Structure formats: structure tokens, C-alpha cells
Protein backbone atom coordinates (compact mmCIF):
# COMPACT_ATOMS: atom_id res chain seq x y z
CA UNK A 1 56.00 23.86 -31.24
CA UNK A 2 53.45 21.11 -30.48
CA UNK A 3 50.78 23.65 -29.47
CA UNK A 4 50.89 25.46 -32.83
CA UNK A 5 49.22 22.66 -34.78
CA UNK A 6 46.04 22.55 -32.66
CA UNK A 7 45.85 26.35 -32.67
CA UNK A 8 46.23 26.50 -36.44
CA UNK A 9 43.70 23.71 -36.89
CA UNK A 10 41.16 25.38 -34.61
CA UNK A 11 41.58 28.70 -36.43
CA UNK A 12 40.65 27.10 -39.73
CA UNK A 13 37.43 25.81 -38.21
CA UNK A 14 36.19 29.25 -37.13
CA UNK A 15 33.54 30.92 -39.21
CA UNK A 16 31.70 34.16 -39.71
CA UNK A 17 28.08 34.57 -40.69
CA UNK A 18 27.95 36.96 -43.63
CA UNK A 19 24.89 38.05 -45.63
CA UNK A 20 24.94 38.39 -49.38
CA UNK A 21 24.51 41.92 -50.68
CA UNK A 22 21.81 40.78 -53.13
CA UNK A 23 18.42 39.27 -52.33
CA UNK A 24 17.17 35.99 -53.76
CA UNK A 25 13.88 34.20 -54.26
CA UNK A 26 13.04 30.86 -52.59
CA UNK A 27 13.94 28.56 -55.47
CA UNK A 28 17.57 29.46 -56.12
CA UNK A 29 20.71 27.41 -55.35
CA UNK A 30 21.69 29.07 -52.07
CA UNK A 31 24.75 26.90 -51.51
CA UNK A 32 26.11 27.90 -54.94
CA UNK A 33 25.31 31.54 -54.16
CA UNK A 34 27.33 31.39 -50.91
CA UNK A 35 30.25 29.71 -52.68
CA UNK A 36 30.30 32.17 -55.59
CA UNK A 37 30.01 35.14 -53.21
CA UNK A 38 32.37 34.13 -50.39
CA UNK A 39 34.51 31.29 -51.75
CA UNK A 40 34.42 27.50 -52.11
CA UNK A 41 34.30 26.78 -48.36
CA UNK A 42 31.22 28.93 -47.74
CA UNK A 43 27.89 27.26 -47.00
CA UNK A 44 24.39 28.42 -46.14
CA UNK A 45 24.16 29.29 -42.43
CA UNK A 46 22.28 26.79 -40.31
CA UNK A 47 19.95 27.67 -37.47
CA UNK A 48 21.66 25.43 -34.90
CA UNK A 49 25.05 27.04 -35.64
CA UNK A 50 23.56 30.51 -35.24
CA UNK A 51 21.98 29.50 -31.92
CA UNK A 52 25.28 28.12 -30.63
CA UNK A 53 27.23 31.20 -31.75
CA UNK A 54 24.72 33.57 -30.13
CA UNK A 55 24.80 31.65 -26.87
CA UNK A 56 28.60 31.64 -26.91
CA UNK A 57 28.93 35.35 -27.80
CA UNK A 58 29.99 37.47 -24.85
CA UNK A 59 28.70 40.65 -26.52
CA UNK A 60 25.22 39.93 -27.94
CA UNK A 61 24.89 43.43 -29.42
CA UNK A 62 28.14 42.98 -31.37
CA UNK A 63 26.97 39.55 -32.53
CA UNK A 64 23.84 41.16 -34.02
CA UNK A 65 25.89 43.98 -35.54
CA UNK A 66 28.22 41.41 -37.11
CA UNK A 67 25.16 39.81 -38.72
CA UNK A 68 24.44 43.24 -40.21
CA UNK A 69 20.98 43.30 -38.62
CA UNK A 70 19.99 46.95 -38.65
CA UNK A 71 16.22 47.06 -38.67
CA UNK A 72 13.30 45.32 -37.06
CA UNK A 73 11.83 42.43 -39.09
CA UNK A 74 14.95 42.11 -41.27
CA UNK A 75 15.33 38.55 -42.61
CA UNK A 76 17.90 36.23 -44.15
CA UNK A 77 17.52 32.92 -45.93
CA UNK A 78 19.02 30.08 -43.87
CA UNK A 79 18.75 26.32 -43.42
CA UNK A 80 17.06 24.67 -40.48
CA UNK A 81 19.44 21.71 -40.72
CA UNK A 82 21.69 20.16 -43.34
CA UNK A 83 18.87 19.07 -45.64
CA UNK A 84 15.86 21.32 -45.13
CA UNK A 85 15.26 24.64 -46.80
CA UNK A 86 11.48 24.32 -46.77
CA UNK A 87 9.25 24.00 -43.73
CA UNK A 88 6.22 22.74 -45.62
CA UNK A 89 5.10 23.27 -49.17
CA UNK A 90 6.57 26.56 -50.31
CA UNK A 91 7.44 28.07 -46.91
CA UNK A 92 11.19 28.60 -46.74
CA UNK A 93 13.16 28.89 -43.50
CA UNK A 94 14.41 32.35 -42.63
CA UNK A 95 16.17 34.05 -39.76
CA UNK A 96 14.39 37.24 -38.67
CA UNK A 97 15.46 39.96 -36.27
CA UNK A 98 12.53 40.78 -33.97
CA UNK A 99 14.32 42.47 -31.06
CA UNK A 100 12.08 40.74 -28.47
CA UNK A 101 8.91 41.96 -30.17
CA UNK A 102 7.22 39.32 -32.31
CA UNK A 103 4.51 40.88 -34.48
CA UNK A 104 1.11 39.26 -34.45
CA UNK A 105 -0.42 40.83 -37.54
CA UNK A 106 0.82 38.45 -40.22
CA UNK A 107 1.36 34.76 -40.86
CA UNK A 108 5.07 34.50 -40.05
CA UNK A 109 5.48 31.08 -38.44
CA UNK A 110 7.98 30.83 -35.58
CA UNK A 111 9.62 27.41 -35.36
CA UNK A 112 12.27 28.34 -32.78
CA UNK A 113 13.57 31.46 -31.06
CA UNK A 114 16.78 32.87 -29.61
CA UNK A 115 16.66 35.00 -26.47
CA UNK A 116 12.88 35.44 -26.28
CA UNK A 117 12.35 36.51 -29.90
CA UNK A 118 15.54 38.51 -30.35
CA UNK A 119 16.08 36.27 -33.41
CA UNK A 120 13.53 33.84 -34.76
CA UNK A 121 13.63 30.83 -37.03
CA UNK A 122 10.56 31.37 -39.10
CA UNK A 123 9.20 30.47 -42.47
CA UNK A 124 7.69 32.58 -45.20
CA UNK A 125 6.78 32.26 -48.88
CA UNK A 126 7.16 34.41 -51.97
CA UNK A 127 10.00 36.58 -50.74
CA UNK A 128 13.27 38.09 -51.78
CA UNK A 129 15.93 38.11 -49.02
CA UNK A 130 19.71 37.98 -48.77
CA UNK A 131 21.27 34.59 -47.98
CA UNK A 132 23.15 34.28 -44.69
CA UNK A 133 26.33 32.32 -45.35
CA UNK A 134 28.70 30.55 -42.99
CA UNK A 135 32.19 31.55 -44.14
CA UNK A 136 35.39 30.00 -42.75
CA UNK A 137 37.53 32.61 -41.04
CA UNK A 138 41.05 32.73 -39.74
CA UNK A 139 40.36 35.56 -37.30
CA UNK A 140 41.28 34.91 -33.69
CA UNK A 141 38.59 35.14 -31.08
CA UNK A 142 35.63 33.84 -33.10
């Protein structure tokens, strides 16, 4: 009986990264969007949490599929940490799927990378992207 409490507690701390079905511009309330879309516990996904989850994932391909990343250069709005949405001026942080092939023909800034540009923390301006939300889950194995 004693082991059930820690298991139940740990299950409530698990989360899934889920993208919104709609796209948003850089100046919207992303936290409110996550909460209205996925419930009151949902928050905007943070880069460090994504990095940790990717590193921990045994099946990297499934991890990317779970993020609903289907095409090269697909992006989501994220946070770089708990307070920063903007890199500088009007450049907002985004997560972009580059599948190890970072393009060099535009001004996408790379601030950090996962697995040699499989996923990049970048910044961009004047966009419309879905928001990637961190949603508490009760699924086992996350």
C-alpha cells in the first residue's frame, strides 16, 4: 500500500507535449491559449523540458511523431525558459524540426540544438505557428 502513493504522485507529474491545432502570431497570450485548449494545468512547452524528454526517450522517432512533426522546417511557439518568449526585439523563440539539415538560406537564428539539428531552438519574427503546450498526463511510461 505504501508504494501506491509515490506511483500516483509520479504519474500526476508526467506530461505530454501537444501542439495547438490553430496557429498564432507572436503577441498573443500563449499560456492562456494552452490552458483554454488543453485545460488549466497546461503551460507553454519549455526548451529545457523538450531537451530532457528527447534525451530520455528510448525511441526518438516516436518522440518526434508524438510532437506531430511531419515535415521539414515545421515550427512551434515555445519558451526558452520560464520568463522569455522573445530572444531580442521582436524575435520569438520557436522549436523547429530540421532533421539534421539546417538551412542556410534565411535568417533563422539557432540558439541551441538537439541531436545535431534534429530539433532547433531558434527565433523568428512575423510568423503564425501553433503553440507547443506541456500538458499533464496520467499515462504510464512517459
